[in-house]
Amino acid sequence: MTVTAALPISAVPPTVHRMTVKLVVLYTHPDNADAFERHYLDVHMPLVGKIPGLQRAEAGRIVAVLDGGEQTFYRAAELYFADQEALQAGLGSAEGKATAADYRKIAPPGSRMFVEALDD
């Protein structure tokens, strides 16, 4: 599995191409939270920071569920890009591919990725 396969970029409507987009990554609960955190903060996020075209990255742990449902996700990351083309180029770069390979190593089963087009 590759990130580009997990992110069907071609399925994003053409109108998204001109607006800021972000890659939203939701991680489920890891078996070993301490080991996950060490790798995520010391290895994965530095890789993320090297993706060309990345404007901003935000990451944090999910600490509460306010709607009374199950706390499905453990951690979230949001990666901002100028537009769809910048996202696609960043993920297709050597740095993006290295980050994707690391994601495949650390993401617990059920983790998800979404592309979000931001409202103006």
N, C-alpha and C. Protein backbone atom coordinates (compact mmCIF):
# COMPACT_ATOMS: atom_id res chain seq x y z
N MET A 1 0.84 -1.18 0.00
CA MET A 1 0.00 0.00 0.00
C MET A 1 0.88 1.24 0.00
N THR A 2 0.53 2.21 -0.82
CA THR A 2 1.24 3.48 -0.81
C THR A 2 0.28 4.57 -0.38
N VAL A 3 0.82 5.68 0.06
CA VAL A 3 -0.04 6.78 0.47
C VAL A 3 -0.86 7.26 -0.71
N THR A 4 -0.29 7.31 -1.90
CA THR A 4 -1.07 7.76 -3.04
C THR A 4 -2.24 6.83 -3.30
N ALA A 5 -2.10 5.53 -3.00
CA ALA A 5 -3.22 4.62 -3.13
C ALA A 5 -4.25 4.89 -2.05
N ALA A 6 -3.79 5.27 -0.86
CA ALA A 6 -4.71 5.56 0.23
C ALA A 6 -5.37 6.92 0.03
N LEU A 7 -4.76 7.75 -0.80
CA LEU A 7 -5.29 9.08 -1.07
C LEU A 7 -5.61 9.18 -2.56
N PRO A 8 -6.83 8.86 -2.95
CA PRO A 8 -7.14 8.93 -4.38
C PRO A 8 -7.22 10.39 -4.84
N ILE A 9 -6.06 10.98 -5.09
CA ILE A 9 -5.96 12.39 -5.44
C ILE A 9 -6.86 12.72 -6.62
N SER A 10 -6.95 11.82 -7.59
CA SER A 10 -7.76 12.08 -8.78
C SER A 10 -9.25 12.16 -8.44
N ALA A 11 -9.65 11.64 -7.26
CA ALA A 11 -11.05 11.68 -6.88
C ALA A 11 -11.45 13.02 -6.30
N VAL A 12 -10.49 13.89 -6.03
CA VAL A 12 -10.79 15.20 -5.46
C VAL A 12 -11.31 16.10 -6.58
N PRO A 13 -12.46 16.76 -6.36
CA PRO A 13 -13.03 17.61 -7.41
C PRO A 13 -12.05 18.69 -7.88
N PRO A 14 -12.09 19.04 -9.17
CA PRO A 14 -11.16 20.05 -9.71
C PRO A 14 -11.22 21.39 -8.98
N THR A 15 -12.37 21.74 -8.41
CA THR A 15 -12.48 23.02 -7.71
C THR A 15 -11.57 23.08 -6.50
N VAL A 16 -11.12 21.94 -6.00
CA VAL A 16 -10.23 21.91 -4.85
C VAL A 16 -8.86 22.45 -5.21
N HIS A 17 -8.48 22.37 -6.46
CA HIS A 17 -7.14 22.72 -6.89
C HIS A 17 -6.74 24.16 -6.55
N ARG A 18 -7.66 25.04 -6.39
CA ARG A 18 -7.32 26.45 -6.17
C ARG A 18 -7.48 26.89 -4.74
N MET A 19 -7.79 26.00 -3.85
CA MET A 19 -7.95 26.39 -2.45
C MET A 19 -6.99 25.62 -1.57
N THR A 20 -6.72 26.19 -0.42
CA THR A 20 -5.84 25.53 0.53
C THR A 20 -6.44 24.17 0.89
N VAL A 21 -5.58 23.17 0.93
CA VAL A 21 -6.02 21.84 1.34
C VAL A 21 -5.14 21.37 2.49
N LYS A 22 -5.68 20.43 3.23
CA LYS A 22 -4.86 19.83 4.27
C LYS A 22 -5.08 18.33 4.27
N LEU A 23 -4.02 17.65 4.61
CA LEU A 23 -4.07 16.21 4.80
C LEU A 23 -4.33 16.00 6.28
N VAL A 24 -5.41 15.31 6.59
CA VAL A 24 -5.78 15.02 7.97
C VAL A 24 -5.50 13.54 8.21
N VAL A 25 -4.68 13.25 9.20
CA VAL A 25 -4.33 11.88 9.54
C VAL A 25 -4.83 11.59 10.95
N LEU A 26 -5.61 10.53 11.08
CA LEU A 26 -6.13 10.11 12.37
C LEU A 26 -5.56 8.73 12.70
N TYR A 27 -4.85 8.67 13.80
CA TYR A 27 -4.23 7.41 14.23
C TYR A 27 -5.09 6.76 15.30
N THR A 28 -5.32 5.47 15.17
CA THR A 28 -6.00 4.72 16.21
C THR A 28 -5.01 4.44 17.34
N HIS A 29 -5.50 3.81 18.39
CA HIS A 29 -4.67 3.55 19.56
C HIS A 29 -3.58 2.52 19.27
N PRO A 30 -2.32 2.88 19.53
CA PRO A 30 -1.23 1.92 19.33
C PRO A 30 -1.18 0.91 20.48
N ASP A 31 -0.60 -0.24 20.22
CA ASP A 31 -0.43 -1.25 21.27
C ASP A 31 0.52 -0.76 22.36
N ASN A 32 1.57 -0.06 21.97
CA ASN A 32 2.55 0.45 22.92
C ASN A 32 2.64 1.97 22.72
N ALA A 33 1.88 2.70 23.52
CA ALA A 33 1.80 4.15 23.35
C ALA A 33 3.14 4.85 23.54
N ASP A 34 3.94 4.40 24.50
CA ASP A 34 5.24 5.05 24.75
C ASP A 34 6.17 4.90 23.53
N ALA A 35 6.25 3.70 22.99
CA ALA A 35 7.10 3.47 21.81
C ALA A 35 6.57 4.25 20.61
N PHE A 36 5.25 4.27 20.44
CA PHE A 36 4.66 5.03 19.35
C PHE A 36 5.02 6.51 19.46
N GLU A 37 4.83 7.07 20.64
CA GLU A 37 5.11 8.49 20.86
C GLU A 37 6.57 8.82 20.57
N ARG A 38 7.48 7.98 21.06
CA ARG A 38 8.91 8.24 20.81
C ARG A 38 9.19 8.27 19.31
N HIS A 39 8.70 7.27 18.60
CA HIS A 39 8.96 7.21 17.17
C HIS A 39 8.26 8.37 16.44
N TYR A 40 7.02 8.62 16.81
CA TYR A 40 6.24 9.66 16.15
C TYR A 40 6.91 11.03 16.29
N LEU A 41 7.31 11.35 17.49
CA LEU A 41 7.90 12.68 17.74
C LEU A 41 9.35 12.79 17.31
N ASP A 42 10.12 11.73 17.46
CA ASP A 42 11.55 11.79 17.17
C ASP A 42 11.92 11.44 15.73
N VAL A 43 11.07 10.66 15.05
CA VAL A 43 11.37 10.21 13.70
C VAL A 43 10.34 10.71 12.69
N HIS A 44 9.07 10.43 12.95
CA HIS A 44 8.05 10.70 11.94
C HIS A 44 7.83 12.20 11.69
N MET A 45 7.64 12.97 12.74
CA MET A 45 7.37 14.39 12.53
C MET A 45 8.55 15.13 11.90
N PRO A 46 9.80 14.80 12.22
CA PRO A 46 10.90 15.41 11.46
C PRO A 46 10.85 15.07 9.97
N LEU A 47 10.41 13.85 9.62
CA LEU A 47 10.23 13.50 8.21
C LEU A 47 9.14 14.36 7.58
N VAL A 48 8.03 14.51 8.30
CA VAL A 48 6.92 15.33 7.81
C VAL A 48 7.41 16.74 7.51
N GLY A 49 8.22 17.30 8.39
CA GLY A 49 8.71 18.66 8.23
C GLY A 49 9.54 18.89 6.99
N LYS A 50 10.03 17.81 6.37
CA LYS A 50 10.85 17.93 5.17
C LYS A 50 10.05 17.83 3.87
N ILE A 51 8.74 17.60 3.95
CA ILE A 51 7.94 17.46 2.73
C ILE A 51 7.88 18.80 2.00
N PRO A 52 8.30 18.85 0.74
CA PRO A 52 8.26 20.10 -0.02
C PRO A 52 6.82 20.62 -0.15
N GLY A 53 6.67 21.92 -0.02
CA GLY A 53 5.37 22.55 -0.17
C GLY A 53 4.53 22.58 1.08
N LEU A 54 4.97 21.90 2.12
CA LEU A 54 4.24 21.91 3.38
C LEU A 54 4.28 23.31 3.97
N GLN A 55 3.11 23.88 4.23
CA GLN A 55 3.05 25.22 4.80
C GLN A 55 3.02 25.22 6.32
N ARG A 56 2.34 24.23 6.87
CA ARG A 56 2.19 24.16 8.32
C ARG A 56 1.81 22.73 8.69
N ALA A 57 2.27 22.27 9.82
CA ALA A 57 1.88 20.97 10.34
C ALA A 57 1.46 21.13 11.79
N GLU A 58 0.35 20.53 12.14
CA GLU A 58 -0.14 20.53 13.51
C GLU A 58 -0.38 19.08 13.90
N ALA A 59 -0.02 18.73 15.12
CA ALA A 59 -0.22 17.36 15.59
C ALA A 59 -0.54 17.40 17.08
N GLY A 60 -1.35 16.46 17.51
CA GLY A 60 -1.67 16.38 18.93
C GLY A 60 -2.39 15.10 19.27
N ARG A 61 -2.46 14.82 20.55
CA ARG A 61 -3.17 13.64 21.03
C ARG A 61 -4.62 13.98 21.30
N ILE A 62 -5.49 13.05 21.02
CA ILE A 62 -6.92 13.20 21.32
C ILE A 62 -7.08 12.92 22.81
N VAL A 63 -7.62 13.89 23.54
CA VAL A 63 -7.70 13.74 24.99
C VAL A 63 -9.12 13.58 25.53
N ALA A 64 -10.14 13.85 24.70
CA ALA A 64 -11.51 13.72 25.17
C ALA A 64 -12.45 13.54 23.98
N VAL A 65 -13.56 12.89 24.26
CA VAL A 65 -14.64 12.74 23.28
C VAL A 65 -15.85 13.42 23.89
N LEU A 66 -16.35 14.46 23.23
CA LEU A 66 -17.42 15.25 23.82
C LEU A 66 -18.82 14.79 23.44
N ASP A 67 -18.93 13.92 22.45
CA ASP A 67 -20.27 13.50 22.02
C ASP A 67 -20.74 12.20 22.66
N GLY A 68 -19.97 11.68 23.63
CA GLY A 68 -20.36 10.47 24.33
C GLY A 68 -20.02 9.19 23.60
N GLY A 69 -19.44 9.29 22.41
CA GLY A 69 -19.07 8.11 21.65
C GLY A 69 -17.74 7.53 22.11
N GLU A 70 -17.34 6.49 21.44
CA GLU A 70 -16.08 5.82 21.74
C GLU A 70 -14.90 6.68 21.29
N GLN A 71 -13.82 6.66 22.03
CA GLN A 71 -12.61 7.40 21.63
C GLN A 71 -11.82 6.51 20.67
N THR A 72 -12.21 6.57 19.41
CA THR A 72 -11.63 5.73 18.37
C THR A 72 -10.19 6.10 18.07
N PHE A 73 -9.90 7.39 18.07
CA PHE A 73 -8.59 7.85 17.62
C PHE A 73 -7.74 8.32 18.79
N TYR A 74 -6.45 8.10 18.64
CA TYR A 74 -5.46 8.40 19.66
C TYR A 74 -4.73 9.72 19.38
N ARG A 75 -4.43 9.96 18.10
CA ARG A 75 -3.63 11.12 17.71
C ARG A 75 -4.11 11.62 16.37
N ALA A 76 -3.96 12.92 16.13
CA ALA A 76 -4.33 13.52 14.85
C ALA A 76 -3.19 14.41 14.36
N ALA A 77 -3.07 14.49 13.04
CA ALA A 77 -2.10 15.40 12.43
C ALA A 77 -2.80 16.09 11.27
N GLU A 78 -2.49 17.36 11.07
CA GLU A 78 -3.04 18.14 9.97
C GLU A 78 -1.88 18.81 9.24
N LEU A 79 -1.76 18.51 7.96
CA LEU A 79 -0.67 19.04 7.13
C LEU A 79 -1.27 19.96 6.08
N TYR A 80 -0.90 21.21 6.09
CA TYR A 80 -1.47 22.23 5.21
C TYR A 80 -0.61 22.46 3.97
N PHE A 81 -1.27 22.57 2.82
CA PHE A 81 -0.62 22.84 1.54
C PHE A 81 -1.40 23.94 0.82
N ALA A 82 -0.73 24.69 -0.04
CA ALA A 82 -1.36 25.81 -0.75
C ALA A 82 -2.54 25.35 -1.60
N ASP A 83 -2.41 24.19 -2.22
CA ASP A 83 -3.47 23.68 -3.08
C ASP A 83 -3.25 22.19 -3.34
N GLN A 84 -4.15 21.62 -4.10
CA GLN A 84 -4.09 20.19 -4.39
C GLN A 84 -2.79 19.80 -5.10
N GLU A 85 -2.35 20.65 -6.02
CA GLU A 85 -1.11 20.35 -6.75
C GLU A 85 0.09 20.30 -5.81
N ALA A 86 0.14 21.23 -4.85
CA ALA A 86 1.24 21.25 -3.89
C ALA A 86 1.20 20.00 -3.00
N LEU A 87 0.01 19.58 -2.60
CA LEU A 87 -0.13 18.36 -1.82
C LEU A 87 0.36 17.16 -2.61
N GLN A 88 -0.09 17.05 -3.84
CA GLN A 88 0.28 15.92 -4.68
C GLN A 88 1.79 15.89 -4.93
N ALA A 89 2.37 17.06 -5.21
CA ALA A 89 3.81 17.14 -5.45
C ALA A 89 4.59 16.78 -4.18
N GLY A 90 4.13 17.27 -3.04
CA GLY A 90 4.81 16.97 -1.78
C GLY A 90 4.77 15.49 -1.46
N LEU A 91 3.63 14.87 -1.62
CA LEU A 91 3.52 13.44 -1.33
C LEU A 91 4.28 12.60 -2.35
N GLY A 92 4.43 13.11 -3.57
CA GLY A 92 5.15 12.38 -4.61
C GLY A 92 6.66 12.56 -4.56
N SER A 93 7.13 13.48 -3.74
CA SER A 93 8.57 13.74 -3.62
C SER A 93 9.25 12.61 -2.84
N ALA A 94 10.58 12.60 -2.90
CA ALA A 94 11.34 11.61 -2.12
C ALA A 94 11.04 11.74 -0.63
N GLU A 95 10.92 12.98 -0.15
CA GLU A 95 10.61 13.21 1.26
C GLU A 95 9.20 12.73 1.61
N GLY A 96 8.26 12.98 0.71
CA GLY A 96 6.89 12.51 0.92
C GLY A 96 6.82 10.99 0.93
N LYS A 97 7.56 10.37 0.04
CA LYS A 97 7.58 8.90 -0.01
C LYS A 97 8.22 8.30 1.23
N ALA A 98 9.26 8.95 1.74
CA ALA A 98 9.90 8.47 2.98
C ALA A 98 8.92 8.59 4.15
N THR A 99 8.18 9.68 4.19
CA THR A 99 7.19 9.88 5.25
C THR A 99 6.09 8.83 5.14
N ALA A 100 5.64 8.55 3.92
CA ALA A 100 4.60 7.54 3.70
C ALA A 100 5.08 6.16 4.14
N ALA A 101 6.33 5.84 3.83
CA ALA A 101 6.87 4.54 4.24
C ALA A 101 6.90 4.44 5.77
N ASP A 102 7.26 5.53 6.43
CA ASP A 102 7.29 5.52 7.89
C ASP A 102 5.87 5.41 8.45
N TYR A 103 4.91 6.10 7.82
CA TYR A 103 3.51 6.00 8.24
C TYR A 103 3.06 4.53 8.22
N ARG A 104 3.40 3.84 7.15
CA ARG A 104 3.00 2.43 7.02
C ARG A 104 3.60 1.58 8.14
N LYS A 105 4.76 1.97 8.65
CA LYS A 105 5.40 1.24 9.73
C LYS A 105 4.72 1.48 11.08
N ILE A 106 4.27 2.72 11.31
CA ILE A 106 3.81 3.07 12.67
C ILE A 106 2.30 3.17 12.83
N ALA A 107 1.55 3.34 11.76
CA ALA A 107 0.11 3.56 11.88
C ALA A 107 -0.60 2.29 12.35
N PRO A 108 -1.27 2.35 13.49
CA PRO A 108 -2.03 1.18 13.93
C PRO A 108 -3.18 0.88 12.96
N PRO A 109 -3.62 -0.36 12.92
CA PRO A 109 -4.75 -0.71 12.05
C PRO A 109 -5.95 0.20 12.31
N GLY A 110 -6.61 0.61 11.25
CA GLY A 110 -7.78 1.49 11.38
C GLY A 110 -7.45 2.96 11.30
N SER A 111 -6.16 3.31 11.25
CA SER A 111 -5.79 4.72 11.09
C SER A 111 -6.27 5.18 9.74
N ARG A 112 -6.56 6.48 9.62
CA ARG A 112 -7.18 7.00 8.39
C ARG A 112 -6.49 8.28 7.92
N MET A 113 -6.61 8.55 6.61
CA MET A 113 -6.12 9.80 6.02
C MET A 113 -7.23 10.39 5.16
N PHE A 114 -7.37 11.71 5.25
CA PHE A 114 -8.37 12.43 4.47
C PHE A 114 -7.73 13.68 3.88
N VAL A 115 -8.24 14.13 2.74
CA VAL A 115 -7.86 15.43 2.21
C VAL A 115 -9.07 16.35 2.42
N GLU A 116 -8.82 17.48 3.05
CA GLU A 116 -9.87 18.45 3.34
C GLU A 116 -9.59 19.74 2.58
N ALA A 117 -10.60 20.23 1.85
CA ALA A 117 -10.51 21.54 1.19
C ALA A 117 -11.06 22.57 2.17
N LEU A 118 -10.23 23.57 2.49
CA LEU A 118 -10.65 24.57 3.47
C LEU A 118 -11.57 25.60 2.85
N ASP A 119 -12.57 25.99 3.60
CA ASP A 119 -13.47 27.06 3.14
C ASP A 119 -12.71 28.38 3.12
N ASP A 120 -13.06 29.23 2.16
CA ASP A 120 -12.43 30.56 2.10
C ASP A 120 -12.79 31.41 3.28
